[in-house]
Amino acid sequence: MKRTSTAALSKEIYHKIYRLHKRNVAPQIIAATLHLPMDAVLNIVTRLASSDSTDGHSLSSDGPAPAPAPKAADSYVDVYLLARSRYVTLDIGGMITAQNVAHLESEFARILASAWKAVALKMSDIREIDDAGVDALVKFFDEFVGRSRYAAILDPSDIVEAIIRKRDLGDIIPIFGTERSFEENAFNPDANKLARKRRAARA
């Protein structure tokens, strides 16, 4: 198997590994969540563990500060905000469960209070989601669309796709496989009208 060089990893991936490592998430869980080879994750985690946390070259993120480390190292949710030119991507990873949903809800509140008109909820790195997580997603969507904005799920993981089918979320929240298709719809007046119509039908 071809080994992945850490030099080939993007800055975004480094930031994600840094944030998860600082929250005591086990390397094997990081590798599984981010779909990375274990040796690449261990290489970076080893370097982080041996570095001074006050080093000016720390891989800290410009995004929102991570939540306090969870009690269980394998139970967490990580949220990474990526500002685009016309919209924002909320990259969510880990487990959206009752135990962790409060952190996600606080990030949703930040987006609701912001001036962003469109948000893509990237969910390719979700490993688990329960009813509390689904309820938080639907509530956020309702509130965001209710303010004449546009929200959608982007690139859902297999776990999320299963929940989408089970809960018929496809009839509530738009779902896209790529950011390009999301952006095309996010600023399409007809797509926005359809999203508001679906919300009104459920009210």
Protein backbone atom coordinates (compact mmCIF):
# COMPACT_ATOMS: atom_id res chain seq x y z
CA MET A 1 0.00 0.00 0.00
CA LYS A 2 1.24 3.46 -0.90
CA ARG A 3 2.14 5.46 2.18
CA THR A 4 0.76 8.97 2.52
CA SER A 5 3.37 11.64 3.16
CA THR A 6 2.47 14.18 5.81
CA ALA A 7 3.80 16.82 3.41
CA ALA A 8 0.93 15.95 1.07
CA LEU A 9 -1.74 16.74 3.66
CA SER A 10 -3.57 20.05 3.38
CA LYS A 11 -3.45 22.79 6.00
CA GLU A 12 -7.13 22.09 6.70
CA ILE A 13 -6.37 18.45 7.54
CA TYR A 14 -3.49 19.49 9.82
CA HIS A 15 -5.86 21.81 11.66
CA LYS A 16 -8.42 19.04 12.09
CA ILE A 17 -5.83 16.61 13.45
CA TYR A 18 -4.52 19.29 15.81
CA ARG A 19 -7.99 20.07 17.17
CA LEU A 20 -8.90 16.42 17.68
CA HIS A 21 -5.55 15.63 19.27
CA LYS A 22 -5.98 18.53 21.73
CA ARG A 23 -9.35 17.06 22.70
CA ASN A 24 -7.73 13.70 23.56
CA VAL A 25 -9.28 11.84 20.64
CA ALA A 26 -7.32 8.62 20.05
CA PRO A 27 -5.14 8.50 16.89
CA GLN A 28 -7.04 5.50 15.51
CA ILE A 29 -10.32 7.41 15.86
CA ILE A 30 -8.80 10.46 14.13
CA ALA A 31 -7.58 8.25 11.27
CA ALA A 32 -10.98 6.60 10.87
CA THR A 33 -12.89 9.89 11.03
CA LEU A 34 -10.68 11.74 8.52
CA HIS A 35 -10.12 8.70 6.29
CA LEU A 36 -6.35 8.90 6.67
CA PRO A 37 -3.67 6.19 6.98
CA MET A 38 -2.81 5.44 10.58
CA ASP A 39 0.92 6.04 10.02
CA ALA A 40 0.28 9.57 8.72
CA VAL A 41 -1.86 10.46 11.76
CA LEU A 42 0.64 8.95 14.21
CA ASN A 43 3.46 10.92 12.58
CA ILE A 44 1.64 14.21 13.14
CA VAL A 45 0.31 13.34 16.60
CA THR A 46 3.80 12.35 17.74
CA ARG A 47 5.16 15.70 16.58
CA LEU A 48 2.34 17.57 18.31
CA ALA A 49 2.85 15.68 21.56
CA SER A 50 6.55 16.56 21.63
CA SER A 51 6.10 20.22 20.74
CA ASP A 52 5.68 23.09 23.17
CA SER A 53 2.02 24.11 23.32
CA THR A 54 3.11 27.76 23.43
CA ASP A 55 5.15 27.49 20.24
CA GLY A 56 4.29 30.30 17.87
CA HIS A 57 4.19 27.76 15.04
CA SER A 58 1.39 25.81 16.67
CA LEU A 59 -1.25 24.48 14.30
CA SER A 60 -4.01 26.48 15.97
CA SER A 61 -7.08 27.29 13.88
CA ASP A 62 -8.62 30.65 13.11
CA GLY A 63 -12.01 29.02 13.52
CA PRO A 64 -14.06 28.78 16.72
CA ALA A 65 -12.33 27.36 19.76
CA PRO A 66 -12.91 23.64 20.35
CA ALA A 67 -15.18 22.52 23.14
CA PRO A 68 -13.64 21.21 26.35
CA ALA A 69 -12.16 17.74 26.06
CA PRO A 70 -14.89 15.10 26.42
CA LYS A 71 -14.77 12.59 29.23
CA ALA A 72 -14.53 9.71 26.78
CA ALA A 73 -11.74 10.07 24.22
CA ASP A 74 -13.78 8.31 21.56
CA SER A 75 -16.90 10.48 21.92
CA TYR A 76 -16.66 13.95 20.42
CA VAL A 77 -17.96 16.38 17.81
CA ASP A 78 -15.64 18.79 16.02
CA VAL A 79 -16.83 21.81 14.05
CA TYR A 80 -14.57 23.67 11.64
CA LEU A 81 -15.76 26.87 9.94
CA LEU A 82 -14.51 27.58 6.42
CA ALA A 83 -15.44 30.99 5.00
CA ARG A 84 -15.92 31.08 1.24
CA SER A 85 -16.47 34.17 -0.91
CA ARG A 86 -20.29 34.01 -0.82
CA TYR A 87 -21.10 31.38 1.79
CA VAL A 88 -19.69 29.46 4.74
CA THR A 89 -19.02 25.76 5.13
CA LEU A 90 -19.50 24.23 8.56
CA ASP A 91 -17.36 21.08 8.46
CA ILE A 92 -18.71 18.75 11.15
CA GLY A 93 -16.92 15.59 12.24
CA GLY A 94 -17.27 12.90 14.88
CA MET A 95 -20.46 12.02 16.72
CA ILE A 96 -23.57 14.21 16.80
CA THR A 97 -25.18 12.65 19.84
CA ALA A 98 -27.02 13.82 22.94
CA GLN A 99 -23.70 13.84 24.78
CA ASN A 100 -22.08 16.28 22.33
CA VAL A 101 -24.93 18.14 20.65
CA ALA A 102 -24.66 21.24 22.88
CA HIS A 103 -21.32 22.15 21.25
CA LEU A 104 -22.86 21.88 17.78
CA GLU A 105 -25.85 23.96 18.85
CA SER A 106 -23.53 26.72 20.08
CA GLU A 107 -21.86 26.80 16.64
CA PHE A 108 -25.28 26.91 14.98
CA ALA A 109 -26.13 29.91 17.17
CA ARG A 110 -22.98 31.68 15.94
CA ILE A 111 -24.03 31.13 12.33
CA LEU A 112 -27.57 32.33 13.01
CA ALA A 113 -26.19 35.50 14.57
CA SER A 114 -23.83 36.12 11.66
CA ALA A 115 -24.49 37.85 8.33
CA TRP A 116 -23.97 34.74 6.20
CA LYS A 117 -26.81 34.14 3.75
CA ALA A 118 -25.92 30.52 2.93
CA VAL A 119 -24.31 27.68 4.86
CA ALA A 120 -23.22 24.22 3.75
CA LEU A 121 -23.18 21.62 6.52
CA LYS A 122 -20.39 19.30 5.41
CA MET A 123 -21.00 15.91 7.04
CA SER A 124 -18.58 13.53 5.33
CA ASP A 125 -16.71 12.87 8.60
CA ILE A 126 -19.73 12.05 10.78
CA ARG A 127 -19.30 8.64 12.42
CA GLU A 128 -22.49 8.61 14.49
CA ILE A 129 -25.70 10.62 14.79
CA ASP A 130 -28.70 10.01 17.05
CA ASP A 131 -32.17 11.54 17.40
CA ALA A 132 -30.83 14.50 19.39
CA GLY A 133 -28.40 15.25 16.58
CA VAL A 134 -31.08 15.02 13.91
CA ASP A 135 -33.38 17.27 15.92
CA ALA A 136 -30.60 19.87 16.24
CA LEU A 137 -30.03 19.81 12.47
CA VAL A 138 -33.71 20.21 11.64
CA LYS A 139 -34.13 23.01 14.19
CA PHE A 140 -31.15 24.89 12.77
CA PHE A 141 -32.43 24.45 9.22
CA ASP A 142 -35.87 25.74 10.18
CA GLU A 143 -34.46 28.81 11.91
CA PHE A 144 -31.94 29.58 9.16
CA VAL A 145 -34.40 29.21 6.30
CA GLY A 146 -36.99 31.08 8.36
CA ARG A 147 -34.71 34.10 8.08
CA SER A 148 -34.76 33.89 4.27
CA ARG A 149 -31.36 32.21 4.12
CA TYR A 150 -30.22 28.94 2.54
CA ALA A 151 -28.83 25.83 4.26
CA ALA A 152 -28.06 22.35 2.98
CA ILE A 153 -26.20 19.16 3.87
CA LEU A 154 -23.01 18.62 1.87
CA ASP A 155 -21.34 15.28 1.11
CA PRO A 156 -23.03 13.17 3.85
CA SER A 157 -21.23 10.08 5.18
CA ASP A 158 -22.82 6.64 4.89
CA ILE A 159 -24.05 6.98 8.47
CA VAL A 160 -25.74 10.29 7.69
CA GLU A 161 -27.22 8.97 4.45
CA ALA A 162 -28.82 6.11 6.39
CA ILE A 163 -30.39 8.60 8.82
CA ILE A 164 -31.53 10.78 5.92
CA ARG A 165 -33.43 7.82 4.46
CA LYS A 166 -34.80 6.71 7.82
CA ARG A 167 -36.05 10.16 8.84
CA ASP A 168 -36.92 11.41 5.32
CA LEU A 169 -34.59 14.36 5.79
CA GLY A 170 -34.24 14.69 2.03
CA ASP A 171 -37.74 16.14 2.03
CA ILE A 172 -36.70 18.73 4.62
CA ILE A 173 -33.08 19.70 4.01
CA PRO A 174 -31.45 19.98 0.54
CA ILE A 175 -28.53 17.58 0.07
CA PHE A 176 -25.59 17.99 -2.33
CA GLY A 177 -22.50 15.98 -3.18
CA THR A 178 -20.24 18.90 -4.15
CA GLU A 179 -19.71 22.50 -3.11
CA ARG A 180 -20.20 23.60 -6.71
CA SER A 181 -23.71 22.17 -6.86
CA PHE A 182 -24.46 23.65 -3.44
CA GLU A 183 -23.35 27.14 -4.49
CA GLU A 184 -25.35 26.97 -7.72
CA ASN A 185 -28.51 26.26 -5.74
CA ALA A 186 -27.78 28.47 -2.73
CA PHE A 187 -28.00 31.60 -4.85
CA ASN A 188 -30.77 30.41 -7.14
CA PRO A 189 -34.04 32.23 -6.32
CA ASP A 190 -36.13 29.20 -7.33
CA ALA A 191 -34.17 26.87 -5.03
CA ASN A 192 -34.58 29.30 -2.15
CA LYS A 193 -38.32 29.50 -2.73
CA LEU A 194 -38.55 25.70 -2.75
CA ALA A 195 -36.65 25.46 0.56
CA ARG A 196 -39.01 27.97 2.20
CA LYS A 197 -42.04 26.18 0.70
CA ARG A 198 -40.92 22.85 2.20
CA ARG A 199 -40.44 24.51 5.59
CA ALA A 200 -43.87 26.17 5.44
CA ALA A 201 -45.52 22.86 4.57
CA ARG A 202 -44.19 21.36 7.82
CA ALA A 203 -45.10 24.32 10.02
